[in-house]
Amino acid sequence: MALKTPSDMLRGHTDTIVLAILRKGYSYGYEIHKSIMEKTQNQFEMKEATLYSSYRRLEEGGYITSYCGDESQGERRKYYKITEKGRELYRQNEEDWEFSQRILNKLLEEEL
């Protein structure tokens, strides 16, 4: 049986990570990627393909919307914005994460 690495465990929360970033305002793909790198002080890199799969999944579910920016130089960027449904999903995922943390802490706590 293959063990999960910390990166595997974090990738299981990709949608929640994306929603957390978009709660602060609209953003485009590379900017979200860069934000993850900055927040983790380059200790965790989420592959762009993983992120783009998340954007597509979240948009299909109605959790985010997207639009193309009007770039005067270079390629037009696709901007993402969280919807109210996305905010609700984020809140639920946050509650689930906090519950999981409490349970894991209790289970892993050393008996005195």
C-alpha atoms as a PDB file:
ATOM      1  CA  MET A   1       0.000   0.000   0.000  1.00  0.00           C
ATOM      2  CA  ALA A   2       1.409   3.374  -1.015  1.00  0.00           C
ATOM      3  CA  LEU A   3       1.528   6.024   1.684  1.00  0.00           C
ATOM      4  CA  LYS A   4       0.109   9.459   1.011  1.00  0.00           C
ATOM      5  CA  THR A   5       2.551  12.321   1.121  1.00  0.00           C
ATOM      6  CA  PRO A   6       1.620  15.661   2.701  1.00  0.00           C
ATOM      7  CA  SER A   7       1.284  17.048  -0.840  1.00  0.00           C
ATOM      8  CA  ASP A   8      -1.239  14.327  -1.710  1.00  0.00           C
ATOM      9  CA  MET A   9      -3.239  15.217   1.372  1.00  0.00           C
ATOM     10  CA  LEU A  10      -3.262  18.921   0.475  1.00  0.00           C
ATOM     11  CA  ARG A  11      -4.253  18.235  -3.125  1.00  0.00           C
ATOM     12  CA  GLY A  12      -7.400  16.621  -1.751  1.00  0.00           C
ATOM     13  CA  HIS A  13      -8.385  20.125  -0.669  1.00  0.00           C
ATOM     14  CA  THR A  14      -7.624  21.941  -3.926  1.00  0.00           C
ATOM     15  CA  ASP A  15     -11.162  23.238  -4.404  1.00  0.00           C
ATOM     16  CA  THR A  16     -11.269  24.633  -0.873  1.00  0.00           C
ATOM     17  CA  ILE A  17      -7.870  26.300  -1.331  1.00  0.00           C
ATOM     18  CA  VAL A  18      -9.049  27.939  -4.570  1.00  0.00           C
ATOM     19  CA  LEU A  19     -12.294  29.091  -2.952  1.00  0.00           C
ATOM     20  CA  ALA A  20     -10.366  30.533   0.013  1.00  0.00           C
ATOM     21  CA  ILE A  21      -8.236  32.647  -2.321  1.00  0.00           C
ATOM     22  CA  LEU A  22     -11.234  33.782  -4.374  1.00  0.00           C
ATOM     23  CA  ARG A  23     -13.095  34.887  -1.225  1.00  0.00           C
ATOM     24  CA  LYS A  24     -10.708  37.851  -1.171  1.00  0.00           C
ATOM     25  CA  GLY A  25     -11.665  38.884  -4.723  1.00  0.00           C
ATOM     26  CA  TYR A  26     -11.488  37.820  -8.335  1.00  0.00           C
ATOM     27  CA  SER A  27      -8.214  36.419  -9.624  1.00  0.00           C
ATOM     28  CA  TYR A  28      -6.694  34.671 -12.633  1.00  0.00           C
ATOM     29  CA  GLY A  29      -4.983  31.285 -12.832  1.00  0.00           C
ATOM     30  CA  TYR A  30      -1.330  32.257 -12.502  1.00  0.00           C
ATOM     31  CA  GLU A  31      -2.125  34.742  -9.736  1.00  0.00           C
ATOM     32  CA  ILE A  32      -3.859  31.992  -7.727  1.00  0.00           C
ATOM     33  CA  HIS A  33      -0.860  29.700  -8.277  1.00  0.00           C
ATOM     34  CA  LYS A  34       1.499  32.476  -7.164  1.00  0.00           C
ATOM     35  CA  SER A  35      -0.639  33.189  -4.095  1.00  0.00           C
ATOM     36  CA  ILE A  36      -0.406  29.538  -2.999  1.00  0.00           C
ATOM     37  CA  MET A  37       3.382  29.622  -3.384  1.00  0.00           C
ATOM     38  CA  GLU A  38       3.654  32.880  -1.410  1.00  0.00           C
ATOM     39  CA  LYS A  39       1.311  31.788   1.396  1.00  0.00           C
ATOM     40  CA  THR A  40       3.232  28.534   1.855  1.00  0.00           C
ATOM     41  CA  GLN A  41       6.617  30.247   1.521  1.00  0.00           C
ATOM     42  CA  ASN A  42       7.357  28.006  -1.482  1.00  0.00           C
ATOM     43  CA  GLN A  43       6.963  24.860   0.645  1.00  0.00           C
ATOM     44  CA  PHE A  44       4.056  23.597  -1.446  1.00  0.00           C
ATOM     45  CA  GLU A  45       3.523  23.915  -5.154  1.00  0.00           C
ATOM     46  CA  MET A  46       0.208  22.986  -6.670  1.00  0.00           C
ATOM     47  CA  LYS A  47       0.587  22.041 -10.314  1.00  0.00           C
ATOM     48  CA  GLU A  48      -1.193  24.333 -12.745  1.00  0.00           C
ATOM     49  CA  ALA A  49      -2.966  21.339 -14.340  1.00  0.00           C
ATOM     50  CA  THR A  50      -4.407  20.457 -10.924  1.00  0.00           C
ATOM     51  CA  LEU A  51      -5.579  24.027 -10.462  1.00  0.00           C
ATOM     52  CA  TYR A  52      -7.170  24.251 -13.912  1.00  0.00           C
ATOM     53  CA  SER A  53      -9.043  20.987 -13.254  1.00  0.00           C
ATOM     54  CA  SER A  54     -10.322  22.566 -10.041  1.00  0.00           C
ATOM     55  CA  TYR A  55     -11.425  25.761 -11.838  1.00  0.00           C
ATOM     56  CA  ARG A  56     -13.344  23.697 -14.382  1.00  0.00           C
ATOM     57  CA  ARG A  57     -14.969  21.518 -11.694  1.00  0.00           C
ATOM     58  CA  LEU A  58     -15.903  24.524  -9.544  1.00  0.00           C
ATOM     59  CA  GLU A  59     -17.306  26.435 -12.501  1.00  0.00           C
ATOM     60  CA  GLU A  60     -19.359  23.458 -13.712  1.00  0.00           C
ATOM     61  CA  GLY A  61     -20.781  23.149 -10.184  1.00  0.00           C
ATOM     62  CA  GLY A  62     -21.737  26.832 -10.067  1.00  0.00           C
ATOM     63  CA  TYR A  63     -19.252  27.604  -7.264  1.00  0.00           C
ATOM     64  CA  ILE A  64     -17.247  30.094  -9.329  1.00  0.00           C
ATOM     65  CA  THR A  65     -17.789  32.069 -12.508  1.00  0.00           C
ATOM     66  CA  SER A  66     -15.214  33.246 -15.026  1.00  0.00           C
ATOM     67  CA  TYR A  67     -14.763  35.987 -17.566  1.00  0.00           C
ATOM     68  CA  CYS A  68     -12.012  37.041 -19.924  1.00  0.00           C
ATOM     69  CA  GLY A  69     -10.218  40.244 -19.047  1.00  0.00           C
ATOM     70  CA  ASP A  70      -9.494  42.969 -21.526  1.00  0.00           C
ATOM     71  CA  GLU A  71      -5.715  42.784 -21.698  1.00  0.00           C
ATOM     72  CA  SER A  72      -3.960  45.429 -23.729  1.00  0.00           C
ATOM     73  CA  GLN A  73      -0.680  43.472 -23.768  1.00  0.00           C
ATOM     74  CA  GLY A  74      -0.204  39.736 -24.087  1.00  0.00           C
ATOM     75  CA  GLU A  75      -2.851  37.049 -23.771  1.00  0.00           C
ATOM     76  CA  ARG A  76      -6.265  37.748 -22.334  1.00  0.00           C
ATOM     77  CA  ARG A  77      -6.519  36.406 -18.838  1.00  0.00           C
ATOM     78  CA  LYS A  78      -9.423  34.356 -17.594  1.00  0.00           C
ATOM     79  CA  TYR A  79     -10.562  35.734 -14.247  1.00  0.00           C
ATOM     80  CA  TYR A  80     -12.421  33.681 -11.669  1.00  0.00           C
ATOM     81  CA  LYS A  81     -14.910  34.908  -9.096  1.00  0.00           C
ATOM     82  CA  ILE A  82     -16.552  32.999  -6.254  1.00  0.00           C
ATOM     83  CA  THR A  83     -20.355  32.769  -6.206  1.00  0.00           C
ATOM     84  CA  GLU A  84     -22.630  32.676  -3.175  1.00  0.00           C
ATOM     85  CA  LYS A  85     -22.929  28.922  -3.693  1.00  0.00           C
ATOM     86  CA  GLY A  86     -19.106  28.790  -3.621  1.00  0.00           C
ATOM     87  CA  ARG A  87     -19.032  30.742  -0.357  1.00  0.00           C
ATOM     88  CA  GLU A  88     -21.456  28.242   1.155  1.00  0.00           C
ATOM     89  CA  LEU A  89     -19.288  25.323  -0.037  1.00  0.00           C
ATOM     90  CA  TYR A  90     -16.208  27.003   1.437  1.00  0.00           C
ATOM     91  CA  ARG A  91     -17.931  27.453   4.817  1.00  0.00           C
ATOM     92  CA  GLN A  92     -19.035  23.806   4.826  1.00  0.00           C
ATOM     93  CA  ASN A  93     -15.563  22.576   3.857  1.00  0.00           C
ATOM     94  CA  GLU A  94     -14.030  24.760   6.567  1.00  0.00           C
ATOM     95  CA  GLU A  95     -16.371  23.251   9.185  1.00  0.00           C
ATOM     96  CA  ASP A  96     -15.576  19.742   7.928  1.00  0.00           C
ATOM     97  CA  TRP A  97     -11.831  20.476   8.107  1.00  0.00           C
ATOM     98  CA  GLU A  98     -12.096  21.812  11.672  1.00  0.00           C
ATOM     99  CA  PHE A  99     -14.108  18.744  12.726  1.00  0.00           C
ATOM    100  CA  SER A 100     -11.537  16.415  11.101  1.00  0.00           C
ATOM    101  CA  GLN A 101      -8.708  18.262  12.856  1.00  0.00           C
ATOM    102  CA  ARG A 102     -10.400  17.930  16.257  1.00  0.00           C
ATOM    103  CA  ILE A 103     -10.988  14.206  15.759  1.00  0.00           C
ATOM    104  CA  LEU A 104      -7.456  13.556  14.497  1.00  0.00           C
ATOM    105  CA  ASN A 105      -5.951  15.526  17.375  1.00  0.00           C
ATOM    106  CA  LYS A 106      -7.947  13.424  19.842  1.00  0.00           C
ATOM    107  CA  LEU A 107      -6.998  10.174  18.156  1.00  0.00           C
ATOM    108  CA  LEU A 108      -3.315  11.051  17.908  1.00  0.00           C
ATOM    109  CA  GLU A 109      -3.092  12.560  21.382  1.00  0.00           C
ATOM    110  CA  GLU A 110      -0.628  10.794  23.594  1.00  0.00           C
ATOM    111  CA  GLU A 111      -2.158   9.069  26.586  1.00  0.00           C
ATOM    112  CA  LEU A 112      -0.713  10.273  29.884  1.00  0.00           C
END
